[in-house]
C-alpha atoms as a PDB file:
ATOM      1  CA  MET A   1     103.438 125.002  95.019  1.00  0.00           C
ATOM      2  CA  THR A   2     106.169 123.851  92.675  1.00  0.00           C
ATOM      3  CA  GLU A   3     106.589 120.291  93.971  1.00  0.00           C
ATOM      4  CA  HIS A   4     103.905 117.810  92.910  1.00  0.00           C
ATOM      5  CA  THR A   5     105.685 114.484  93.470  1.00  0.00           C
ATOM      6  CA  ILE A   6     108.344 113.022  95.696  1.00  0.00           C
ATOM      7  CA  PRO A   7     110.252 110.409  93.644  1.00  0.00           C
ATOM      8  CA  ASP A   8     111.197 108.178  96.624  1.00  0.00           C
ATOM      9  CA  ALA A   9     108.675 108.619  99.426  1.00  0.00           C
ATOM     10  CA  ALA A  10     110.813 106.550 101.802  1.00  0.00           C
ATOM     11  CA  THR A  11     113.203 109.510 102.099  1.00  0.00           C
ATOM     12  CA  LEU A  12     110.652 111.094 104.455  1.00  0.00           C
ATOM     13  CA  SER A  13     109.653 109.724 107.850  1.00  0.00           C
ATOM     14  CA  GLY A  14     106.438 109.974 109.818  1.00  0.00           C
ATOM     15  CA  TRP A  15     104.004 108.354 107.383  1.00  0.00           C
ATOM     16  CA  ARG A  16     100.693 107.183 108.826  1.00  0.00           C
ATOM     17  CA  LYS A  17      98.048 104.927 107.377  1.00  0.00           C
ATOM     18  CA  SER A  18      94.907 106.760 106.366  1.00  0.00           C
ATOM     19  CA  SER A  19      91.976 106.159 108.698  1.00  0.00           C
ATOM     20  CA  TYR A  20      89.893 105.567 105.549  1.00  0.00           C
ATOM     21  CA  SER A  21      92.061 102.637 104.432  1.00  0.00           C
ATOM     22  CA  GLY A  22      90.504  99.245 104.964  1.00  0.00           C
ATOM     23  CA  ALA A  23      91.542  96.968 107.811  1.00  0.00           C
ATOM     24  CA  GLU A  24      92.156  94.148 105.299  1.00  0.00           C
ATOM     25  CA  GLY A  25      95.533  95.651 104.404  1.00  0.00           C
ATOM     26  CA  GLY A  26      95.079  95.583 100.632  1.00  0.00           C
ATOM     27  CA  SER A  27      94.076  99.073  99.543  1.00  0.00           C
ATOM     28  CA  CYS A  28      95.982 101.389 101.827  1.00  0.00           C
ATOM     29  CA  ILE A  29      97.314 104.859 101.419  1.00  0.00           C
ATOM     30  CA  GLU A  30      99.599 106.677 103.789  1.00  0.00           C
ATOM     31  CA  VAL A  31      99.776 110.398 104.393  1.00  0.00           C
ATOM     32  CA  LEU A  32     102.455 112.600 105.892  1.00  0.00           C
ATOM     33  CA  ASP A  33     101.433 115.345 108.285  1.00  0.00           C
ATOM     34  CA  HIS A  34     103.265 118.660 108.649  1.00  0.00           C
ATOM     35  CA  TYR A  35     105.006 118.590 105.273  1.00  0.00           C
ATOM     36  CA  PRO A  36     105.701 122.257 104.413  1.00  0.00           C
ATOM     37  CA  PHE A  37     104.597 122.070 100.764  1.00  0.00           C
ATOM     38  CA  GLY A  38     101.246 120.260 101.041  1.00  0.00           C
ATOM     39  CA  VAL A  39      99.997 116.775 101.896  1.00  0.00           C
ATOM     40  CA  PRO A  40     102.083 113.890 100.521  1.00  0.00           C
ATOM     41  CA  VAL A  41     100.186 110.661  99.813  1.00  0.00           C
ATOM     42  CA  ARG A  42     101.751 107.289  98.951  1.00  0.00           C
ATOM     43  CA  ASP A  43     100.746 103.683  98.350  1.00  0.00           C
ATOM     44  CA  SER A  44     101.585 101.689 101.480  1.00  0.00           C
ATOM     45  CA  LYS A  45     102.513  98.660  99.352  1.00  0.00           C
ATOM     46  CA  ASN A  46     105.246 100.674  97.627  1.00  0.00           C
ATOM     47  CA  PRO A  47     106.992 102.796 100.299  1.00  0.00           C
ATOM     48  CA  HIS A  48     109.982 103.552  98.028  1.00  0.00           C
ATOM     49  CA  GLY A  49     107.743 104.602  95.182  1.00  0.00           C
ATOM     50  CA  PRO A  50     106.589 108.122  94.475  1.00  0.00           C
ATOM     51  CA  ALA A  51     104.263 110.197  96.608  1.00  0.00           C
ATOM     52  CA  LEU A  52     101.830 112.711  95.210  1.00  0.00           C
ATOM     53  CA  VAL A  53     101.708 116.063  96.973  1.00  0.00           C
ATOM     54  CA  PHE A  54      98.331 117.770  97.172  1.00  0.00           C
ATOM     55  CA  ARG A  55      97.558 121.284  98.337  1.00  0.00           C
ATOM     56  CA  ALA A  56      96.157 121.168 101.870  1.00  0.00           C
ATOM     57  CA  ALA A  57      92.823 122.701 100.827  1.00  0.00           C
ATOM     58  CA  ALA A  58      92.391 120.184  97.988  1.00  0.00           C
ATOM     59  CA  TRP A  59      93.219 117.268 100.295  1.00  0.00           C
ATOM     60  CA  SER A  60      90.744 118.531 102.915  1.00  0.00           C
ATOM     61  CA  SER A  61      88.025 118.784 100.267  1.00  0.00           C
ATOM     62  CA  PHE A  62      88.748 115.243  99.081  1.00  0.00           C
ATOM     63  CA  VAL A  63      88.650 113.829 102.627  1.00  0.00           C
ATOM     64  CA  ALA A  64      85.365 115.639 103.308  1.00  0.00           C
ATOM     65  CA  ALA A  65      83.865 114.191 100.118  1.00  0.00           C
ATOM     66  CA  VAL A  66      84.944 110.674 101.122  1.00  0.00           C
ATOM     67  CA  ARG A  67      83.549 111.179 104.606  1.00  0.00           C
ATOM     68  CA  ASP A  68      80.242 112.382 103.141  1.00  0.00           C
ATOM     69  CA  GLU A  69      80.190 109.368 100.748  1.00  0.00           C
ATOM     70  CA  GLU A  70      79.981 111.607  97.691  1.00  0.00           C
ATOM     71  CA  PHE A  71      81.761 108.929  95.645  1.00  0.00           C
ATOM     72  CA  GLY A  72      79.256 106.181  96.415  1.00  0.00           C
ATOM     73  CA  SER A  73      79.407 103.263  98.781  1.00  0.00           C
ATOM     74  CA  ARG A  74      82.253 100.763  98.980  1.00  0.00           C
ATOM     75  CA  ASP A  75      79.900  97.793  98.411  1.00  0.00           C
END
């Protein structure tokens, strides 16, 4: 993969809020499904800011680790 960032994430449509983002609306990330070069991730508070693009396997591993609470609790 040669692309690691998207300078203006708002140039792409179809973003969805991560199911792991809190309902409070403060700490939210959005992901874009079906992007051909990986999984773009952006800060929902800054839709025109950059998005980081992760390899699909790396993103899946990260999500699994969050799901399994490998990073500790949120409390």
